Protein backbone atom coordinates (compact mmCIF):
# COMPACT_ATOMS: atom_id res chain seq x y z
CA MET A 1 58.43 38.28 -2.31
CA ALA A 2 59.75 34.91 -1.18
CA ASP A 3 58.92 31.95 -3.35
CA ARG A 4 56.08 29.69 -2.13
CA PRO A 5 57.53 26.51 -0.54
CA ASP A 6 57.16 23.33 -2.55
CA THR A 7 54.52 21.62 -0.36
CA VAL A 8 54.31 18.50 -2.51
CA ALA A 9 58.02 17.91 -2.56
CA ALA A 10 58.13 18.35 1.22
CA VAL A 11 55.66 15.48 1.84
CA ASP A 12 56.99 11.96 2.14
CA SER A 13 53.83 9.95 1.41
CA GLN A 14 55.22 6.70 2.82
CA ALA A 15 56.41 8.26 6.06
CA LEU A 16 53.14 10.17 6.43
CA THR A 17 51.14 6.97 5.89
CA GLN A 18 53.11 5.05 8.50
CA GLU A 19 52.75 7.86 11.00
CA ALA A 20 49.00 8.14 10.42
CA LEU A 21 48.41 4.38 10.63
CA ALA A 22 50.29 4.26 13.90
CA ALA A 23 48.20 7.10 15.31
CA VAL A 24 44.97 5.44 14.21
CA ALA A 25 45.99 2.11 15.74
CA ALA A 26 46.94 3.84 19.00
CA ALA A 27 43.55 5.57 19.34
CA SER A 28 41.71 3.93 22.25
CA THR A 29 38.47 5.93 22.10
CA LEU A 30 36.20 7.21 19.37
CA SER A 31 37.06 10.80 20.25
CA GLY A 32 40.78 10.02 20.05
CA LEU A 33 40.22 8.38 16.68
CA ASP A 34 38.38 11.48 15.49
CA ASP A 35 41.34 13.63 16.51
CA ALA A 36 43.65 11.44 14.43
CA ARG A 37 41.27 11.62 11.47
CA VAL A 38 41.21 15.42 11.59
CA LYS A 39 45.00 15.60 11.91
CA TYR A 40 45.75 13.40 8.92
CA LEU A 41 42.62 13.74 6.73
CA GLY A 42 41.14 17.11 7.72
CA ARG A 43 40.88 20.10 5.36
CA LYS A 44 44.02 21.70 6.82
CA SER A 45 46.02 18.50 7.17
CA GLU A 46 49.41 18.16 5.52
CA LEU A 47 48.06 15.52 3.15
CA LYS A 48 45.08 17.60 1.99
CA LEU A 49 47.24 20.66 1.39
CA ALA A 50 49.69 18.56 -0.62
CA LEU A 51 46.87 17.11 -2.74
CA ARG A 52 45.75 20.62 -3.69
CA ASP A 53 49.21 21.41 -5.09
CA VAL A 54 49.75 18.19 -7.08
CA ARG A 55 51.38 18.93 -10.45
CA ASP A 56 52.36 15.49 -11.75
CA ARG A 57 50.66 12.11 -12.08
CA GLU A 58 53.10 10.06 -10.01
CA THR A 59 52.89 12.33 -6.97
CA GLY A 60 49.10 12.46 -7.18
CA MET A 61 48.85 8.67 -7.31
CA ALA A 62 51.17 8.32 -4.29
CA LEU A 63 49.25 10.86 -2.22
CA ASN A 64 45.86 9.37 -3.13
CA ALA A 65 47.10 5.93 -2.19
CA ALA A 66 48.16 7.34 1.18
CA ARG A 67 44.75 8.94 1.64
CA GLN A 68 42.91 5.71 0.84
CA ALA A 69 45.08 3.68 3.21
CA ILE A 70 44.46 6.12 6.06
CA GLU A 71 40.70 6.28 5.40
CA GLN A 72 40.40 2.48 5.39
CA ALA A 73 42.40 2.27 8.64
CA VAL A 74 40.12 4.86 10.27
CA GLU A 75 36.95 2.98 9.21
CA ALA A 76 38.29 -0.34 10.46
CA ARG A 77 39.42 1.10 13.79
CA GLU A 78 36.08 2.88 14.22
CA ALA A 79 34.21 -0.43 13.81
CA GLU A 80 36.52 -2.08 16.37
CA LEU A 81 35.99 0.69 18.92
CA GLU A 82 32.22 0.65 18.44
CA ARG A 83 32.10 -3.11 19.03
CA ALA A 84 34.29 -2.70 22.11
CA GLU A 85 31.99 0.03 23.44
CA ILE A 86 28.94 -2.20 23.00
CA ASP A 87 30.70 -5.07 24.81
CA ARG A 88 31.67 -2.72 27.63
CA LYS A 89 28.11 -1.50 28.07
CA LEU A 90 26.74 -5.03 28.08
CA GLN A 91 29.20 -5.99 30.82
CA THR A 92 29.02 -2.88 32.99
CA GLU A 93 25.47 -1.55 32.45
CA PRO A 94 22.96 -4.23 33.49
CA VAL A 95 19.53 -4.16 31.85
CA ASP A 96 16.49 -5.50 33.67
CA VAL A 97 14.72 -7.40 30.90
CA THR A 98 11.63 -7.74 33.09
CA LEU A 99 10.93 -4.00 33.01
CA PRO A 100 8.09 -2.80 30.73
CA ALA A 101 9.45 -1.30 27.51
CA GLU A 102 7.96 2.13 28.25
CA LEU A 103 10.22 2.43 31.34
CA LEU A 104 13.48 1.82 29.48
CA GLY A 105 13.97 5.44 28.39
CA PRO A 106 16.27 5.63 25.34
CA LEU A 107 16.05 1.84 24.99
CA ARG A 108 12.27 2.01 24.60
CA LEU A 109 11.03 -0.21 21.81
CA ARG A 110 9.47 1.55 18.85
CA ARG A 111 5.76 0.98 18.34
CA ARG A 112 5.21 -1.31 15.38
CA GLY A 113 3.10 -0.01 12.53
CA SER A 114 0.37 -1.95 10.74
CA LEU A 115 -1.61 -1.86 7.54
CA HIS A 116 -4.64 0.41 7.30
CA PRO A 117 -7.85 -1.58 7.92
CA SER A 118 -9.00 -0.80 4.36
CA THR A 119 -5.71 -2.18 3.02
CA GLN A 120 -6.08 -5.28 5.17
CA ALA A 121 -9.57 -5.89 3.79
CA ARG A 122 -8.40 -5.25 0.23
CA ARG A 123 -5.57 -7.76 0.54
CA ASP A 124 -7.94 -10.36 1.94
CA VAL A 125 -10.27 -9.80 -1.02
CA GLU A 126 -7.37 -10.13 -3.45
CA ASP A 127 -6.28 -13.38 -1.81
CA ILE A 128 -9.80 -14.80 -2.00
CA PHE A 129 -10.27 -14.08 -5.69
CA THR A 130 -6.74 -15.06 -6.64
CA GLY A 131 -7.49 -18.41 -5.02
CA LEU A 132 -10.61 -18.69 -7.20
CA GLY A 133 -8.53 -18.08 -10.33
CA TYR A 134 -9.76 -14.53 -10.91
CA GLU A 135 -7.57 -11.78 -12.35
CA VAL A 136 -7.22 -8.71 -10.09
CA VAL A 137 -7.49 -5.39 -11.99
CA ASP A 138 -7.36 -1.73 -10.98
CA ASP A 139 -8.03 0.57 -13.94
CA ARG A 140 -8.04 4.35 -14.38
CA GLU A 141 -9.91 6.58 -11.95
CA VAL A 142 -10.59 9.38 -14.44
CA GLU A 143 -13.17 7.93 -16.82
CA THR A 144 -15.35 8.99 -19.74
CA VAL A 145 -19.12 9.25 -19.58
CA ARG A 146 -19.23 6.63 -22.31
CA TYR A 147 -17.63 3.95 -20.12
CA ASN A 148 -18.91 5.10 -16.73
CA PHE A 149 -22.57 5.38 -17.77
CA ASP A 150 -23.37 4.62 -21.43
CA ALA A 151 -21.62 1.25 -21.59
CA LEU A 152 -23.25 0.16 -18.35
CA GLY A 153 -26.78 0.85 -19.54
CA PHE A 154 -27.55 3.90 -17.40
CA PRO A 155 -30.58 5.60 -19.02
CA PRO A 156 -30.33 9.36 -19.74
CA TRP A 157 -32.66 10.16 -16.83
CA HIS A 158 -30.76 8.15 -14.24
CA PRO A 159 -29.94 10.29 -11.16
CA ALA A 160 -26.33 9.02 -11.11
CA ARG A 161 -25.68 11.08 -14.27
CA SER A 162 -26.50 14.30 -12.44
CA PRO A 163 -23.67 16.65 -11.34
CA ARG A 164 -25.35 16.49 -7.95
CA ALA A 165 -24.33 12.85 -7.66
CA THR A 166 -21.18 12.57 -9.81
CA LEU A 167 -17.95 14.59 -9.92
CA PHE A 168 -17.65 15.85 -13.52
CA LEU A 169 -14.31 17.19 -14.80
CA ASP A 170 -15.97 18.33 -18.02
CA ASP A 171 -19.06 17.34 -20.01
CA ASP A 172 -17.49 14.03 -21.11
CA THR A 173 -15.14 13.17 -18.21
CA VAL A 174 -15.86 12.10 -14.64
CA LEU A 175 -14.15 10.65 -11.62
CA ARG A 176 -15.42 7.09 -11.82
CA THR A 177 -18.40 6.33 -9.61
CA GLU A 178 -17.66 2.60 -9.54
CA THR A 179 -14.99 0.21 -10.80
CA SER A 180 -17.31 -1.38 -13.39
CA PRO A 181 -15.75 0.58 -16.32
CA ALA A 182 -12.63 -1.55 -15.83
CA GLN A 183 -14.76 -4.56 -16.69
CA ILE A 184 -15.92 -2.98 -19.95
CA HIS A 185 -12.31 -2.25 -20.91
CA LYS A 186 -11.48 -5.88 -20.20
CA MET A 187 -14.41 -7.11 -22.29
CA GLU A 188 -13.25 -4.98 -25.22
CA ALA A 189 -9.69 -6.29 -24.93
CA GLN A 190 -10.38 -9.99 -24.32
CA THR A 191 -12.93 -12.55 -25.44
CA PRO A 192 -14.48 -14.97 -22.92
CA PRO A 193 -13.84 -16.72 -20.68
CA ILE A 194 -13.29 -13.74 -18.33
CA TYR A 195 -12.98 -14.06 -14.57
CA MET A 196 -11.86 -10.83 -12.97
CA VAL A 197 -12.31 -8.60 -9.93
CA SER A 198 -11.79 -4.85 -10.25
CA ILE A 199 -10.62 -3.12 -7.08
CA GLY A 200 -9.95 0.56 -6.52
CA ARG A 201 -11.03 4.03 -5.40
CA VAL A 202 -14.32 5.49 -6.56
CA TYR A 203 -15.84 8.95 -6.12
CA ARG A 204 -19.34 10.23 -5.57
CA ARG A 205 -20.73 13.60 -4.57
CA ASP A 206 -22.01 12.36 -1.21
CA THR A 207 -22.51 14.34 1.98
CA ILE A 208 -20.22 12.99 4.67
CA ASP A 209 -22.07 11.12 7.40
CA ALA A 210 -21.79 7.84 9.28
CA THR A 211 -22.47 5.73 6.18
CA HIS A 212 -21.36 7.98 3.27
CA PHE A 213 -18.07 9.50 2.14
CA PRO A 214 -17.16 11.07 -1.24
CA ILE A 215 -14.19 8.67 -1.63
CA PHE A 216 -14.28 4.95 -0.93
CA HIS A 217 -13.06 1.63 -2.34
CA GLN A 218 -15.01 -1.03 -4.18
CA PHE A 219 -14.37 -4.53 -5.40
CA GLU A 220 -16.50 -5.76 -8.27
CA GLY A 221 -16.41 -9.26 -9.67
CA LEU A 222 -17.19 -10.28 -13.25
CA ALA A 223 -17.45 -13.79 -14.68
CA ILE A 224 -18.39 -14.38 -18.33
CA ASP A 225 -18.33 -17.77 -20.00
CA LYS A 226 -20.64 -20.26 -21.65
CA GLY A 227 -23.33 -21.73 -19.45
CA ILE A 228 -22.98 -19.51 -16.36
CA THR A 229 -26.18 -19.35 -14.31
CA MET A 230 -27.64 -17.57 -11.29
CA ALA A 231 -26.68 -20.60 -9.18
CA ASP A 232 -23.00 -19.88 -9.99
CA LEU A 233 -23.44 -16.30 -8.78
CA LYS A 234 -25.09 -17.37 -5.52
CA GLY A 235 -22.45 -19.99 -4.85
CA THR A 236 -19.62 -17.52 -5.51
CA LEU A 237 -21.13 -14.86 -3.27
CA LEU A 238 -21.73 -17.33 -0.46
CA TYR A 239 -18.11 -18.50 -0.69
CA VAL A 240 -16.79 -14.93 -0.65
CA MET A 241 -18.98 -13.87 2.27
CA ARG A 242 -17.94 -16.88 4.35
CA ALA A 243 -14.28 -16.27 3.51
CA LEU A 244 -14.60 -12.65 4.67
CA PHE A 245 -16.90 -13.00 7.67
CA GLY A 246 -16.61 -16.60 8.87
CA GLU A 247 -17.71 -20.07 7.81
CA GLU A 248 -20.76 -19.99 10.05
CA VAL A 249 -22.52 -17.13 8.24
CA ASP A 250 -25.47 -17.69 5.92
CA ALA A 251 -26.73 -15.61 2.99
CA ARG A 252 -29.99 -14.55 1.47
CA PHE A 253 -30.74 -12.77 -1.82
CA ARG A 254 -33.39 -10.11 -2.47
CA THR A 255 -34.55 -8.93 -5.89
CA HIS A 256 -33.42 -5.45 -6.85
CA TYR A 257 -32.70 -3.23 -9.88
CA PHE A 258 -29.34 -2.26 -11.37
CA PRO A 259 -28.91 -0.83 -14.89
CA PHE A 260 -26.28 -3.34 -16.00
CA THR A 261 -27.64 -6.63 -14.59
CA GLU A 262 -30.86 -8.49 -15.25
CA PRO A 263 -32.12 -10.12 -13.14
CA SER A 264 -30.54 -8.23 -10.23
CA MET A 265 -30.40 -8.99 -6.53
CA GLU A 266 -28.90 -7.72 -3.29
CA PRO A 267 -27.05 -10.23 -1.10
CA ASP A 268 -27.43 -10.11 2.68
CA VAL A 269 -25.22 -11.97 5.14
CA SER A 270 -26.48 -13.25 8.45
CA CYS A 271 -25.24 -11.06 11.27
CA PHE A 272 -21.92 -12.45 12.52
CA VAL A 273 -22.11 -10.32 15.68
CA CYS A 274 -25.36 -11.67 17.10
CA GLY A 275 -25.65 -14.85 15.01
CA GLY A 276 -28.92 -13.64 13.50
CA SER A 277 -30.80 -13.04 16.74
CA GLY A 278 -30.81 -9.24 16.28
CA CYS A 279 -28.47 -6.48 17.48
CA ALA A 280 -27.49 -2.88 16.75
CA THR A 281 -25.10 -3.94 13.97
CA CYS A 282 -27.86 -5.59 11.92
CA LYS A 283 -30.51 -3.12 13.13
CA HIS A 284 -32.20 -6.03 14.92
CA SER A 285 -33.06 -7.73 11.64
CA GLY A 286 -30.54 -10.55 11.84
CA TRP A 287 -29.20 -9.65 8.36
CA ILE A 288 -26.60 -7.23 6.99
CA GLU A 289 -26.85 -5.77 3.48
CA LEU A 290 -23.57 -6.02 1.54
CA GLY A 291 -23.95 -4.74 -2.03
CA GLY A 292 -25.44 -5.50 -5.42
CA SER A 293 -25.24 -8.34 -7.93
CA GLY A 294 -26.98 -9.96 -10.88
CA MET A 295 -26.65 -11.59 -14.27
CA VAL A 296 -24.89 -9.42 -16.86
CA ASP A 297 -27.42 -7.60 -19.02
CA PRO A 298 -27.22 -8.69 -22.71
CA TYR A 299 -26.84 -4.98 -23.56
CA LEU A 300 -23.23 -5.12 -22.38
CA TYR A 301 -22.45 -7.99 -24.76
CA GLU A 302 -23.89 -6.00 -27.64
CA PHE A 303 -21.84 -2.96 -26.57
CA VAL A 304 -18.56 -4.86 -27.06
CA GLY A 305 -19.76 -6.77 -30.14
CA TRP A 306 -20.46 -10.19 -28.64
CA ASP A 307 -23.35 -12.53 -29.33
CA PRO A 308 -25.62 -12.37 -26.25
CA ASP A 309 -27.00 -15.81 -27.11
CA GLU A 310 -23.54 -17.38 -26.83
CA TYR A 311 -22.32 -16.09 -23.48
CA THR A 312 -23.74 -15.54 -20.02
CA GLY A 313 -22.17 -14.10 -16.92
CA PHE A 314 -22.65 -12.48 -13.55
CA ALA A 315 -21.36 -9.38 -11.79
CA PHE A 316 -21.38 -8.16 -8.21
CA GLY A 317 -19.96 -5.29 -6.21
CA LEU A 318 -19.22 -4.61 -2.56
CA GLY A 319 -17.40 -1.88 -0.63
CA ILE A 320 -13.96 -2.38 0.89
CA GLU A 321 -14.60 0.04 3.77
CA ARG A 322 -18.04 -1.50 4.24
CA THR A 323 -16.40 -4.91 4.54
CA ALA A 324 -13.85 -3.66 7.08
CA GLN A 325 -16.56 -1.76 8.92
CA LEU A 326 -18.64 -4.89 9.37
CA ARG A 327 -15.70 -7.16 10.22
CA HIS A 328 -14.57 -4.86 13.04
CA ASN A 329 -18.03 -3.59 14.08
CA ILE A 330 -17.19 0.07 13.35
CA ASP A 331 -20.24 2.33 13.37
CA SER A 332 -19.00 5.04 10.96
CA LEU A 333 -17.00 5.45 7.75
CA ARG A 334 -15.33 8.67 8.89
CA PRO A 335 -12.47 7.06 10.86
CA PHE A 336 -11.24 5.27 7.73
CA TRP A 337 -10.26 8.65 6.23
CA GLU A 338 -9.37 10.77 9.26
CA ASN A 339 -5.90 9.19 9.84
CA ASP A 340 -6.39 9.28 13.60
CA LEU A 341 -3.62 7.12 15.09
CA ARG A 342 -5.82 6.22 18.06
CA PHE A 343 -8.14 4.49 15.60
CA LEU A 344 -5.51 2.99 13.31
CA ARG A 345 -3.44 1.50 16.16
CA GLN A 346 -6.32 -0.84 16.96
CA PHE A 347 -5.55 -2.78 13.78
């Protein structure tokens, strides 16, 4: 059998490089450049075959240097030809810039995306409270019964503790029904003053309808310091509602009951659709209910080991989707979770 020819010895790396560079420089089209690339850098090219048979360091270095020089020349020439092609099209293919984008075919502009309306509302809430000097917190969504109910003063008979209302993972673990447990964790970790807003997803075993969904977002504020009064709570809520719904809105407060605040109240905002004269949005009452609020119950101070005679504070909670729903006059919560692009593109 004849001996295999010495492929490496037969390759003059300098001559091959010069030949390849000349071919690359002479290529006048992208297809011609691709032909040169295949000829000198392809799997069956003389250079590639020689590299497979390298037996000494010096030859390998010389061949690799040739390969790198050819590759760099190809990349540079490709960029030049692409720029030339763009210039040619601009000069020879006129574009009517007055045409609507949808008629431009391949040149059609891509539709711009936008943030989900819930995300928009959340970011506005974060900006408002950051401006007030509050800390923004989002804690764990899987919570213990101790922090979700016991620490917040829910009595054993409270209907929220029922598996019909809450999603239990086991006897001691739930998907949080509100973001208030994050406030208890904060109170255990830090002594007053505390000014925070907890924002995040919450879960409840609700039947889906126009005003209920088993997943939604809440933001809950907490302020604890010395000398805080109900007037501070009302002033804060009025500021937040005007920042979210417009400076012209007014607020009213109705007494209510919540396990972890005493006294408790529900804030209403004057209808920003009809100006308070009555419409479908406010159910012809002139007012829109927003959430719950009140002064922190002394029980919570005792739970974390604080002196209830030394500190006072307030807490309040509103829904993110509820906020977005009211701002955009949307009559149902379902669209916020259906991911229908026809709905989302409106925002």
